[in-house]
PDB file of N, CA and C in Angstrom:
ATOM      1  N   HIS A   1     -44.013  17.091  55.139  1.00  0.00           N
ATOM      2  CA  HIS A   1     -44.233  16.060  54.128  1.00  0.00           C
ATOM      3  C   HIS A   1     -44.217  16.681  52.720  1.00  0.00           C
ATOM      4  N   GLU A   2     -44.856  17.844  52.586  1.00  0.00           N
ATOM      5  CA  GLU A   2     -44.887  18.524  51.305  1.00  0.00           C
ATOM      6  C   GLU A   2     -43.496  19.002  50.899  1.00  0.00           C
ATOM      7  N   GLN A   3     -42.722  19.436  51.855  1.00  0.00           N
ATOM      8  CA  GLN A   3     -41.354  19.896  51.591  1.00  0.00           C
ATOM      9  C   GLN A   3     -40.492  18.730  51.107  1.00  0.00           C
ATOM     10  N   LEU A   4     -40.662  17.579  51.686  1.00  0.00           N
ATOM     11  CA  LEU A   4     -39.939  16.369  51.268  1.00  0.00           C
ATOM     12  C   LEU A   4     -40.310  16.004  49.843  1.00  0.00           C
ATOM     13  N   LEU A   5     -41.581  16.110  49.531  1.00  0.00           N
ATOM     14  CA  LEU A   5     -42.053  15.821  48.179  1.00  0.00           C
ATOM     15  C   LEU A   5     -41.454  16.806  47.176  1.00  0.00           C
ATOM     16  N   LYS A   6     -41.384  18.070  47.550  1.00  0.00           N
ATOM     17  CA  LYS A   6     -40.802  19.085  46.682  1.00  0.00           C
ATOM     18  C   LYS A   6     -39.309  18.811  46.448  1.00  0.00           C
ATOM     19  N   MET A   7     -38.592  18.421  47.502  1.00  0.00           N
ATOM     20  CA  MET A   7     -37.174  18.080  47.377  1.00  0.00           C
ATOM     21  C   MET A   7     -36.974  16.890  46.448  1.00  0.00           C
ATOM     22  N   MET A   8     -37.860  15.922  46.579  1.00  0.00           N
ATOM     23  CA  MET A   8     -37.774  14.732  45.730  1.00  0.00           C
ATOM     24  C   MET A   8     -38.027  15.098  44.264  1.00  0.00           C
ATOM     25  N   GLU A   9     -38.981  15.978  44.023  1.00  0.00           N
ATOM     26  CA  GLU A   9     -39.266  16.425  42.657  1.00  0.00           C
ATOM     27  C   GLU A   9     -38.063  17.163  42.074  1.00  0.00           C
ATOM     28  N   GLU A  10     -37.436  18.010  42.880  1.00  0.00           N
ATOM     29  CA  GLU A  10     -36.255  18.751  42.420  1.00  0.00           C
ATOM     30  C   GLU A  10     -35.115  17.787  42.099  1.00  0.00           C
ATOM     31  N   ARG A  11     -34.925  16.832  42.959  1.00  0.00           N
ATOM     32  CA  ARG A  11     -33.886  15.816  42.702  1.00  0.00           C
ATOM     33  C   ARG A  11     -34.174  15.050  41.424  1.00  0.00           C
ATOM     34  N   MET A  12     -35.445  14.697  41.242  1.00  0.00           N
ATOM     35  CA  MET A  12     -35.841  13.945  40.064  1.00  0.00           C
ATOM     36  C   MET A  12     -35.604  14.784  38.801  1.00  0.00           C
ATOM     37  N   MET A  13     -35.918  16.052  38.858  1.00  0.00           N
ATOM     38  CA  MET A  13     -35.683  16.920  37.712  1.00  0.00           C
ATOM     39  C   MET A  13     -34.188  17.055  37.449  1.00  0.00           C
ATOM     40  N   ASP A  14     -33.431  17.160  38.508  1.00  0.00           N
ATOM     41  CA  ASP A  14     -31.975  17.258  38.377  1.00  0.00           C
ATOM     42  C   ASP A  14     -31.398  15.979  37.757  1.00  0.00           C
ATOM     43  N   VAL A  15     -31.886  14.839  38.223  1.00  0.00           N
ATOM     44  CA  VAL A  15     -31.441  13.548  37.682  1.00  0.00           C
ATOM     45  C   VAL A  15     -31.835  13.429  36.218  1.00  0.00           C
ATOM     46  N   GLU A  16     -33.064  13.857  35.889  1.00  0.00           N
ATOM     47  CA  GLU A  16     -33.514  13.802  34.492  1.00  0.00           C
ATOM     48  C   GLU A  16     -32.636  14.685  33.603  1.00  0.00           C
ATOM     49  N   GLN A  17     -32.306  15.865  34.129  1.00  0.00           N
ATOM     50  CA  GLN A  17     -31.447  16.774  33.359  1.00  0.00           C
ATOM     51  C   GLN A  17     -30.066  16.152  33.149  1.00  0.00           C
ATOM     52  N   LYS A  18     -29.530  15.553  34.187  1.00  0.00           N
ATOM     53  CA  LYS A  18     -28.222  14.889  34.071  1.00  0.00           C
ATOM     54  C   LYS A  18     -28.291  13.713  33.103  1.00  0.00           C
ATOM     55  N   LEU A  19     -29.396  12.991  33.142  1.00  0.00           N
ATOM     56  CA  LEU A  19     -29.565  11.865  32.225  1.00  0.00           C
ATOM     57  C   LEU A  19     -29.626  12.341  30.774  1.00  0.00           C
ATOM     58  N   ARG A  20     -30.323  13.458  30.523  1.00  0.00           N
ATOM     59  CA  ARG A  20     -30.375  14.005  29.166  1.00  0.00           C
ATOM     60  C   ARG A  20     -28.973  14.416  28.702  1.00  0.00           C
ATOM     61  N   LEU A  21     -28.227  15.023  29.616  1.00  0.00           N
ATOM     62  CA  LEU A  21     -26.857  15.435  29.285  1.00  0.00           C
ATOM     63  C   LEU A  21     -25.999  14.207  28.963  1.00  0.00           C
ATOM     64  N   VAL A  22     -26.111  13.170  29.797  1.00  0.00           N
ATOM     65  CA  VAL A  22     -25.347  11.944  29.567  1.00  0.00           C
ATOM     66  C   VAL A  22     -25.773  11.307  28.245  1.00  0.00           C
ATOM     67  N   LYS A  23     -27.081  11.315  27.971  1.00  0.00           N
ATOM     68  CA  LYS A  23     -27.583  10.754  26.716  1.00  0.00           C
ATOM     69  C   LYS A  23     -27.005  11.506  25.522  1.00  0.00           C
ATOM     70  N   ARG A  24     -26.965  12.856  25.607  1.00  0.00           N
ATOM     71  CA  ARG A  24     -26.383  13.661  24.533  1.00  0.00           C
ATOM     72  C   ARG A  24     -24.897  13.355  24.356  1.00  0.00           C
ATOM     73  N   LEU A  25     -24.185  13.251  25.484  1.00  0.00           N
ATOM     74  CA  LEU A  25     -22.749  12.935  25.412  1.00  0.00           C
ATOM     75  C   LEU A  25     -22.516  11.560  24.801  1.00  0.00           C
ATOM     76  N   LEU A  26     -23.356  10.601  25.184  1.00  0.00           N
ATOM     77  CA  LEU A  26     -23.226   9.252  24.624  1.00  0.00           C
ATOM     78  C   LEU A  26     -23.537   9.249  23.134  1.00  0.00           C
ATOM     79  N   GLN A  27     -24.548  10.010  22.723  1.00  0.00           N
ATOM     80  CA  GLN A  27     -24.884  10.080  21.303  1.00  0.00           C
ATOM     81  C   GLN A  27     -23.742  10.717  20.510  1.00  0.00           C
ATOM     82  N   ASP A  28     -23.134  11.760  21.078  1.00  0.00           N
ATOM     83  CA  ASP A  28     -21.969  12.376  20.430  1.00  0.00           C
ATOM     84  C   ASP A  28     -20.842  11.362  20.271  1.00  0.00           C
ATOM     85  N   LYS A  29     -20.634  10.576  21.317  1.00  0.00           N
ATOM     86  CA  LYS A  29     -19.571   9.561  21.272  1.00  0.00           C
ATOM     87  C   LYS A  29     -19.901   8.491  20.229  1.00  0.00           C
ATOM     88  N   VAL A  30     -21.158   8.083  20.157  1.00  0.00           N
ATOM     89  CA  VAL A  30     -21.590   7.100  19.155  1.00  0.00           C
ATOM     90  C   VAL A  30     -21.341   7.640  17.753  1.00  0.00           C
ATOM     91  N   ASN A  31     -21.707   8.910  17.537  1.00  0.00           N
ATOM     92  CA  ASN A  31     -21.478   9.521  16.222  1.00  0.00           C
ATOM     93  C   ASN A  31     -19.993   9.579  15.892  1.00  0.00           C
ATOM     94  N   GLN A  32     -19.205   9.935  16.886  1.00  0.00           N
ATOM     95  CA  GLN A  32     -17.749   9.998  16.693  1.00  0.00           C
ATOM     96  C   GLN A  32     -17.188   8.619  16.344  1.00  0.00           C
ATOM     97  N   LEU A  33     -17.654   7.604  17.037  1.00  0.00           N
ATOM     98  CA  LEU A  33     -17.176   6.245  16.776  1.00  0.00           C
ATOM     99  C   LEU A  33     -17.640   5.737  15.414  1.00  0.00           C
ATOM    100  N   LYS A  34     -18.843   6.095  15.007  1.00  0.00           N
ATOM    101  CA  LYS A  34     -19.323   5.709  13.676  1.00  0.00           C
ATOM    102  C   LYS A  34     -18.456   6.346  12.592  1.00  0.00           C
ATOM    103  N   GLU A  35     -18.138   7.620  12.800  1.00  0.00           N
ATOM    104  CA  GLU A  35     -17.283   8.325  11.841  1.00  0.00           C
ATOM    105  C   GLU A  35     -15.897   7.674  11.778  1.00  0.00           C
ATOM    106  N   GLN A  36     -15.360   7.330  12.942  1.00  0.00           N
ATOM    107  CA  GLN A  36     -14.050   6.681  12.988  1.00  0.00           C
ATOM    108  C   GLN A  36     -14.092   5.319  12.307  1.00  0.00           C
ATOM    109  N   LEU A  37     -15.189   4.587  12.513  1.00  0.00           N
ATOM    110  CA  LEU A  37     -15.345   3.281  11.862  1.00  0.00           C
ATOM    111  C   LEU A  37     -15.365   3.439  10.346  1.00  0.00           C
ATOM    112  N   SER A  38     -16.079   4.458   9.886  1.00  0.00           N
ATOM    113  CA  SER A  38     -16.135   4.718   8.445  1.00  0.00           C
ATOM    114  C   SER A  38     -14.741   5.023   7.903  1.00  0.00           C
ATOM    115  N   LYS A  39     -13.999   5.869   8.606  1.00  0.00           N
ATOM    116  CA  LYS A  39     -12.634   6.200   8.179  1.00  0.00           C
ATOM    117  C   LYS A  39     -11.747   4.957   8.185  1.00  0.00           C
ATOM    118  N   ASN A  40     -11.890   4.147   9.229  1.00  0.00           N
ATOM    119  CA  ASN A  40     -11.080   2.927   9.325  1.00  0.00           C
ATOM    120  C   ASN A  40     -11.417   1.942   8.209  1.00  0.00           C
ATOM    121  N   THR A  41     -12.688   1.858   7.859  1.00  0.00           N
ATOM    122  CA  THR A  41     -13.111   0.969   6.781  1.00  0.00           C
ATOM    123  C   THR A  41     -12.501   1.415   5.456  1.00  0.00           C
ATOM    124  N   LYS A  42     -12.534   2.740   5.203  1.00  0.00           N
ATOM    125  CA  LYS A  42     -11.928   3.276   3.986  1.00  0.00           C
ATOM    126  C   LYS A  42     -10.423   3.028   3.976  1.00  0.00           C
ATOM    127  N   ALA A  43      -9.787   3.268   5.122  1.00  0.00           N
ATOM    128  CA  ALA A  43      -8.343   3.060   5.206  1.00  0.00           C
ATOM    129  C   ALA A  43      -8.000   1.586   4.990  1.00  0.00           C
ATOM    130  N   ASP A  44      -8.826   0.698   5.531  1.00  0.00           N
ATOM    131  CA  ASP A  44      -8.607  -0.741   5.357  1.00  0.00           C
ATOM    132  C   ASP A  44      -8.695  -1.126   3.882  1.00  0.00           C
ATOM    133  N   ALA A  45      -9.688  -0.569   3.193  1.00  0.00           N
ATOM    134  CA  ALA A  45      -9.836  -0.854   1.765  1.00  0.00           C
ATOM    135  C   ALA A  45      -8.628  -0.329   0.991  1.00  0.00           C
ATOM    136  N   MET A  46      -8.156   0.848   1.362  1.00  0.00           N
ATOM    137  CA  MET A  46      -6.982   1.415   0.687  1.00  0.00           C
ATOM    138  C   MET A  46      -5.743   0.551   0.924  1.00  0.00           C
ATOM    139  N   VAL A  47      -5.588   0.068   2.154  1.00  0.00           N
ATOM    140  CA  VAL A  47      -4.442  -0.793   2.469  1.00  0.00           C
ATOM    141  C   VAL A  47      -4.511  -2.074   1.643  1.00  0.00           C
ATOM    142  N   LYS A  48      -5.695  -2.650   1.528  1.00  0.00           N
ATOM    143  CA  LYS A  48      -5.849  -3.864   0.723  1.00  0.00           C
ATOM    144  C   LYS A  48      -5.514  -3.591  -0.741  1.00  0.00           C
ATOM    145  N   ASP A  49      -6.003  -2.457  -1.264  1.00  0.00           N
ATOM    146  CA  ASP A  49      -5.696  -2.085  -2.648  1.00  0.00           C
ATOM    147  C   ASP A  49      -4.196  -1.908  -2.843  1.00  0.00           C
ATOM    148  N   LEU A  50      -3.559  -1.248  -1.882  1.00  0.00           N
ATOM    149  CA  LEU A  50      -2.107  -1.043  -1.976  1.00  0.00           C
ATOM    150  C   LEU A  50      -1.355  -2.368  -1.898  1.00  0.00           C
ATOM    151  N   TYR A  51      -1.858  -3.289  -1.082  1.00  0.00           N
ATOM    152  CA  TYR A  51      -1.233  -4.598  -0.968  1.00  0.00           C
ATOM    153  C   TYR A  51      -1.281  -5.330  -2.308  1.00  0.00           C
ATOM    154  N   VAL A  52      -2.449  -5.282  -2.945  1.00  0.00           N
ATOM    155  CA  VAL A  52      -2.617  -5.943  -4.253  1.00  0.00           C
ATOM    156  C   VAL A  52      -1.724  -5.264  -5.293  1.00  0.00           C
ATOM    157  N   GLU A  53      -1.722  -3.924  -5.285  1.00  0.00           N
ATOM    158  CA  GLU A  53      -0.898  -3.189  -6.241  1.00  0.00           C
ATOM    159  C   GLU A  53       0.585  -3.493  -6.019  1.00  0.00           C
ATOM    160  N   ASN A  54       0.988  -3.581  -4.769  1.00  0.00           N
ATOM    161  CA  ASN A  54       2.388  -3.895  -4.452  1.00  0.00           C
ATOM    162  C   ASN A  54       2.762  -5.283  -4.976  1.00  0.00           C
ATOM    163  N   ALA A  55       1.861  -6.243  -4.807  1.00  0.00           N
ATOM    164  CA  ALA A  55       2.122  -7.594  -5.306  1.00  0.00           C
ATOM    165  C   ALA A  55       2.274  -7.583  -6.827  1.00  0.00           C
ATOM    166  N   GLN A  56       1.417  -6.815  -7.498  1.00  0.00           N
ATOM    167  CA  GLN A  56       1.509  -6.716  -8.963  1.00  0.00           C
ATOM    168  C   GLN A  56       2.823  -6.054  -9.383  1.00  0.00           C
ATOM    169  N   LEU A  57       3.214  -5.019  -8.661  1.00  0.00           N
ATOM    170  CA  LEU A  57       4.469  -4.331  -8.982  1.00  0.00           C
ATOM    171  C   LEU A  57       5.676  -5.247  -8.753  1.00  0.00           C
ATOM    172  N   LEU A  58       5.611  -6.054  -7.703  1.00  0.00           N
ATOM    173  CA  LEU A  58       6.706  -6.991  -7.456  1.00  0.00           C
ATOM    174  C   LEU A  58       6.819  -8.016  -8.580  1.00  0.00           C
ATOM    175  N   LYS A  59       5.673  -8.507  -9.059  1.00  0.00           N
ATOM    176  CA  LYS A  59       5.697  -9.453 -10.181  1.00  0.00           C
ATOM    177  C   LYS A  59       6.280  -8.792 -11.426  1.00  0.00           C
ATOM    178  N   ALA A  60       5.869  -7.554 -11.677  1.00  0.00           N
ATOM    179  CA  ALA A  60       6.384  -6.828 -12.840  1.00  0.00           C
ATOM    180  C   ALA A  60       7.881  -6.599 -12.704  1.00  0.00           C
ATOM    181  N   LEU A  61       8.323  -6.272 -11.509  1.00  0.00           N
ATOM    182  CA  LEU A  61       9.759  -6.065 -11.275  1.00  0.00           C
ATOM    183  C   LEU A  61      10.534  -7.359 -11.506  1.00  0.00           C
ATOM    184  N   GLU A  62      10.021  -8.462 -11.002  1.00  0.00           N
ATOM    185  CA  GLU A  62      10.677  -9.753 -11.201  1.00  0.00           C
ATOM    186  C   GLU A  62      10.776 -10.084 -12.693  1.00  0.00           C
ATOM    187  N   ALA A  63       9.696  -9.838 -13.425  1.00  0.00           N
ATOM    188  CA  ALA A  63       9.698 -10.116 -14.862  1.00  0.00           C
ATOM    189  C   ALA A  63      10.717  -9.219 -15.574  1.00  0.00           C
ATOM    190  N   THR A  64      10.770  -7.945 -15.173  1.00  0.00           N
ATOM    191  CA  THR A  64      11.728  -7.012 -15.776  1.00  0.00           C
ATOM    192  C   THR A  64      13.157  -7.427 -15.476  1.00  0.00           C
ATOM    193  N   GLU A  65      13.402  -7.836 -14.237  1.00  0.00           N
ATOM    194  CA  GLU A  65      14.748  -8.293 -13.877  1.00  0.00           C
ATOM    195  C   GLU A  65      15.128  -9.535 -14.672  1.00  0.00           C
ATOM    196  N   GLN A  66      14.165 -10.431 -14.876  1.00  0.00           N
ATOM    197  CA  GLN A  66      14.441 -11.641 -15.653  1.00  0.00           C
ATOM    198  C   GLN A  66      14.761 -11.284 -17.105  1.00  0.00           C
ATOM    199  N   ARG A  67      13.991 -10.347 -17.668  1.00  0.00           N
ATOM    200  CA  ARG A  67      14.267  -9.905 -19.043  1.00  0.00           C
ATOM    201  C   ARG A  67      15.641  -9.247 -19.137  1.00  0.00           C
ATOM    202  N   GLN A  68      16.011  -8.492 -18.115  1.00  0.00           N
ATOM    203  CA  GLN A  68      17.326  -7.845 -18.117  1.00  0.00           C
ATOM    204  C   GLN A  68      18.436  -8.896 -18.079  1.00  0.00           C
ATOM    205  N   LYS A  69      18.272  -9.905 -17.248  1.00  0.00           N
ATOM    206  CA  LYS A  69      19.281 -10.973 -17.187  1.00  0.00           C
ATOM    207  C   LYS A  69      19.400 -11.679 -18.531  1.00  0.00           C
ATOM    208  N   THR A  70      18.250 -11.938 -19.149  1.00  0.00           N
ATOM    209  CA  THR A  70      18.255 -12.592 -20.465  1.00  0.00           C
ATOM    210  C   THR A  70      18.960 -11.708 -21.482  1.00  0.00           C
ATOM    211  N   ALA A  71      18.665 -10.422 -21.464  1.00  0.00           N
ATOM    212  CA  ALA A  71      19.306  -9.489 -22.401  1.00  0.00           C
ATOM    213  C   ALA A  71      20.816  -9.421 -22.143  1.00  0.00           C
ATOM    214  N   GLU A  72      21.204  -9.428 -20.891  1.00  0.00           N
ATOM    215  CA  GLU A  72      22.636  -9.397 -20.569  1.00  0.00           C
ATOM    216  C   GLU A  72      23.336 -10.655 -21.077  1.00  0.00           C
ATOM    217  N   ARG A  73      22.677 -11.820 -20.919  1.00  0.00           N
ATOM    218  CA  ARG A  73      23.261 -13.069 -21.424  1.00  0.00           C
ATOM    219  C   ARG A  73      23.398 -13.018 -22.943  1.00  0.00           C
ATOM    220  N   LYS A  74      22.338 -12.557 -23.619  1.00  0.00           N
ATOM    221  CA  LYS A  74      22.389 -12.461 -25.081  1.00  0.00           C
ATOM    222  C   LYS A  74      23.465 -11.470 -25.516  1.00  0.00           C
ATOM    223  N   ASN A  75      23.582 -10.370 -24.802  1.00  0.00           N
ATOM    224  CA  ASN A  75      24.600  -9.368 -25.109  1.00  0.00           C
ATOM    225  C   ASN A  75      26.004  -9.968 -24.957  1.00  0.00           C
ATOM    226  N   TYR A  76      26.203 -10.732 -23.897  1.00  0.00           N
ATOM    227  CA  TYR A  76      27.496 -11.374 -23.670  1.00  0.00           C
ATOM    228  C   TYR A  76      27.827 -12.337 -24.809  1.00  0.00           C
ATOM    229  N   LEU A  77      26.821 -13.135 -25.205  1.00  0.00           N
ATOM    230  CA  LEU A  77      27.035 -14.090 -26.301  1.00  0.00           C
ATOM    231  C   LEU A  77      27.337 -13.356 -27.609  1.00  0.00           C
ATOM    232  N   LEU A  78      26.630 -12.261 -27.865  1.00  0.00           N
ATOM    233  CA  LEU A  78      26.895 -11.482 -29.075  1.00  0.00           C
ATOM    234  C   LEU A  78      28.304 -10.889 -29.049  1.00  0.00           C
ATOM    235  N   GLU A  79      28.727 -10.409 -27.894  1.00  0.00           N
ATOM    236  CA  GLU A  79      30.084  -9.862 -27.779  1.00  0.00           C
ATOM    237  C   GLU A  79      31.133 -10.947 -28.045  1.00  0.00           C
ATOM    238  N   GLU A  80      30.872 -12.158 -27.551  1.00  0.00           N
ATOM    239  CA  GLU A  80      31.787 -13.268 -27.835  1.00  0.00           C
ATOM    240  C   GLU A  80      31.817 -13.575 -29.328  1.00  0.00           C
ATOM    241  N   LYS A  81      30.635 -13.583 -29.959  1.00  0.00           N
ATOM    242  CA  LYS A  81      30.580 -13.848 -31.402  1.00  0.00           C
ATOM    243  C   LYS A  81      31.314 -12.759 -32.178  1.00  0.00           C
ATOM    244  N   ILE A  82      31.147 -11.508 -31.782  1.00  0.00           N
ATOM    245  CA  ILE A  82      31.850 -10.400 -32.444  1.00  0.00           C
ATOM    246  C   ILE A  82      33.359 -10.568 -32.295  1.00  0.00           C
ATOM    247  N   ALA A  83      33.794 -10.916 -31.086  1.00  0.00           N
ATOM    248  CA  ALA A  83      35.229 -11.112 -30.862  1.00  0.00           C
ATOM    249  C   ALA A  83      35.745 -12.258 -31.735  1.00  0.00           C
ATOM    250  N   ASN A  84      34.966 -13.341 -31.811  1.00  0.00           N
ATOM    251  CA  ASN A  84      35.368 -14.476 -32.651  1.00  0.00           C
ATOM    252  C   ASN A  84      35.401 -14.083 -34.124  1.00  0.00           C
ATOM    253  N   LEU A  85      34.377 -13.335 -34.576  1.00  0.00           N
ATOM    254  CA  LEU A  85      34.356 -12.886 -35.968  1.00  0.00           C
ATOM    255  C   LEU A  85      35.530 -11.947 -36.254  1.00  0.00           C
ATOM    256  N   ASN A  86      35.859 -11.085 -35.325  1.00  0.00           N
ATOM    257  CA  ASN A  86      37.006 -10.192 -35.504  1.00  0.00           C
ATOM    258  C   ASN A  86      38.302 -10.997 -35.634  1.00  0.00           C
ATOM    259  N   ARG A  87      38.429 -12.047 -34.824  1.00  0.00           N
ATOM    260  CA  ARG A  87      39.614 -12.910 -34.919  1.00  0.00           C
ATOM    261  C   ARG A  87      39.666 -13.596 -36.281  1.00  0.00           C
ATOM    262  N   ILE A  88      38.492 -14.094 -36.715  1.00  0.00           N
ATOM    263  CA  ILE A  88      38.443 -14.776 -38.019  1.00  0.00           C
ATOM    264  C   ILE A  88      38.801 -13.798 -39.128  1.00  0.00           C
ATOM    265  N   VAL A  89      38.216 -12.591 -39.086  1.00  0.00           N
ATOM    266  CA  VAL A  89      38.521 -11.582 -40.107  1.00  0.00           C
ATOM    267  C   VAL A  89      40.003 -11.223 -40.060  1.00  0.00           C
ATOM    268  N   LYS A  90      40.556 -11.083 -38.888  1.00  0.00           N
ATOM    269  CA  LYS A  90      41.984 -10.753 -38.744  1.00  0.00           C
ATOM    270  C   LYS A  90      42.832 -11.885 -39.300  1.00  0.00           C
ATOM    271  N   ASN A  91      42.461 -13.107 -38.994  1.00  0.00           N
ATOM    272  CA  ASN A  91      43.214 -14.253 -39.509  1.00  0.00           C
ATOM    273  C   ASN A  91      43.093 -14.368 -41.024  1.00  0.00           C
ATOM    274  N   LEU A  92      41.903 -14.089 -41.556  1.00  0.00           N
ATOM    275  CA  LEU A  92      41.713 -14.148 -43.001  1.00  0.00           C
ATOM    276  C   LEU A  92      42.457 -13.015 -43.698  1.00  0.00           C
ATOM    277  N   ALA A  93      42.479 -11.879 -43.076  1.00  0.00           N
ATOM    278  CA  ALA A  93      43.107 -10.700 -43.691  1.00  0.00           C
ATOM    279  C   ALA A  93      44.613 -10.777 -43.589  1.00  0.00           C
ATOM    280  N   SER A  94      45.152 -11.377 -42.564  1.00  0.00           N
ATOM    281  CA  SER A  94      46.592 -11.432 -42.381  1.00  0.00           C
ATOM    282  C   SER A  94      47.321 -12.162 -43.515  1.00  0.00           C
ATOM    283  N   PRO A  95      46.928 -13.349 -43.900  1.00  0.00           N
ATOM    284  CA  PRO A  95      47.645 -14.033 -44.989  1.00  0.00           C
ATOM    285  C   PRO A  95      47.461 -13.328 -46.328  1.00  0.00           C
ATOM    286  N   SER A  96      46.356 -12.665 -46.571  1.00  0.00           N
ATOM    287  CA  SER A  96      46.155 -12.031 -47.875  1.00  0.00           C
ATOM    288  C   SER A  96      47.035 -10.797 -48.027  1.00  0.00           C
ATOM    289  N   PHE A  97      47.442 -10.190 -46.952  1.00  0.00           N
ATOM    290  CA  PHE A  97      48.341  -9.045 -47.037  1.00  0.00           C
ATOM    291  C   PHE A  97      49.803  -9.460 -47.021  1.00  0.00           C
ATOM    292  N   SER A  98      50.024 -10.680 -46.673  1.00  0.00           N
ATOM    293  CA  SER A  98      51.424 -11.152 -46.646  1.00  0.00           C
ATOM    294  C   SER A  98      51.897 -11.431 -48.069  1.00  0.00           C
ATOM    295  N   PRO A  99      53.165 -11.027 -48.394  1.00  0.00           N
ATOM    296  CA  PRO A  99      53.662 -11.287 -49.750  1.00  0.00           C
ATOM    297  C   PRO A  99      54.032 -12.722 -50.007  1.00  0.00           C
TER     298      PRO A  99
END
């Protein structure tokens, strides 16, 4: 009977030791997961910031492209006016040089 009791005590100590080991392993895993959550939270915030920045850059690009189109149209109109003025000057100059 005493030997059975001793075996039971040894088993209980062994189980307690295994439980402490499992508890330590679980705590390590909890710490690891907390750290990963923190990293993921930071990464999520960075992604959101980049998304907002990208949207702002797209708006700026659209505005720049619109300004470029406007400048190209104005440039085209100015070139037409220059060509017309050159024709007028040529026409005005031609009769004055004729005898």
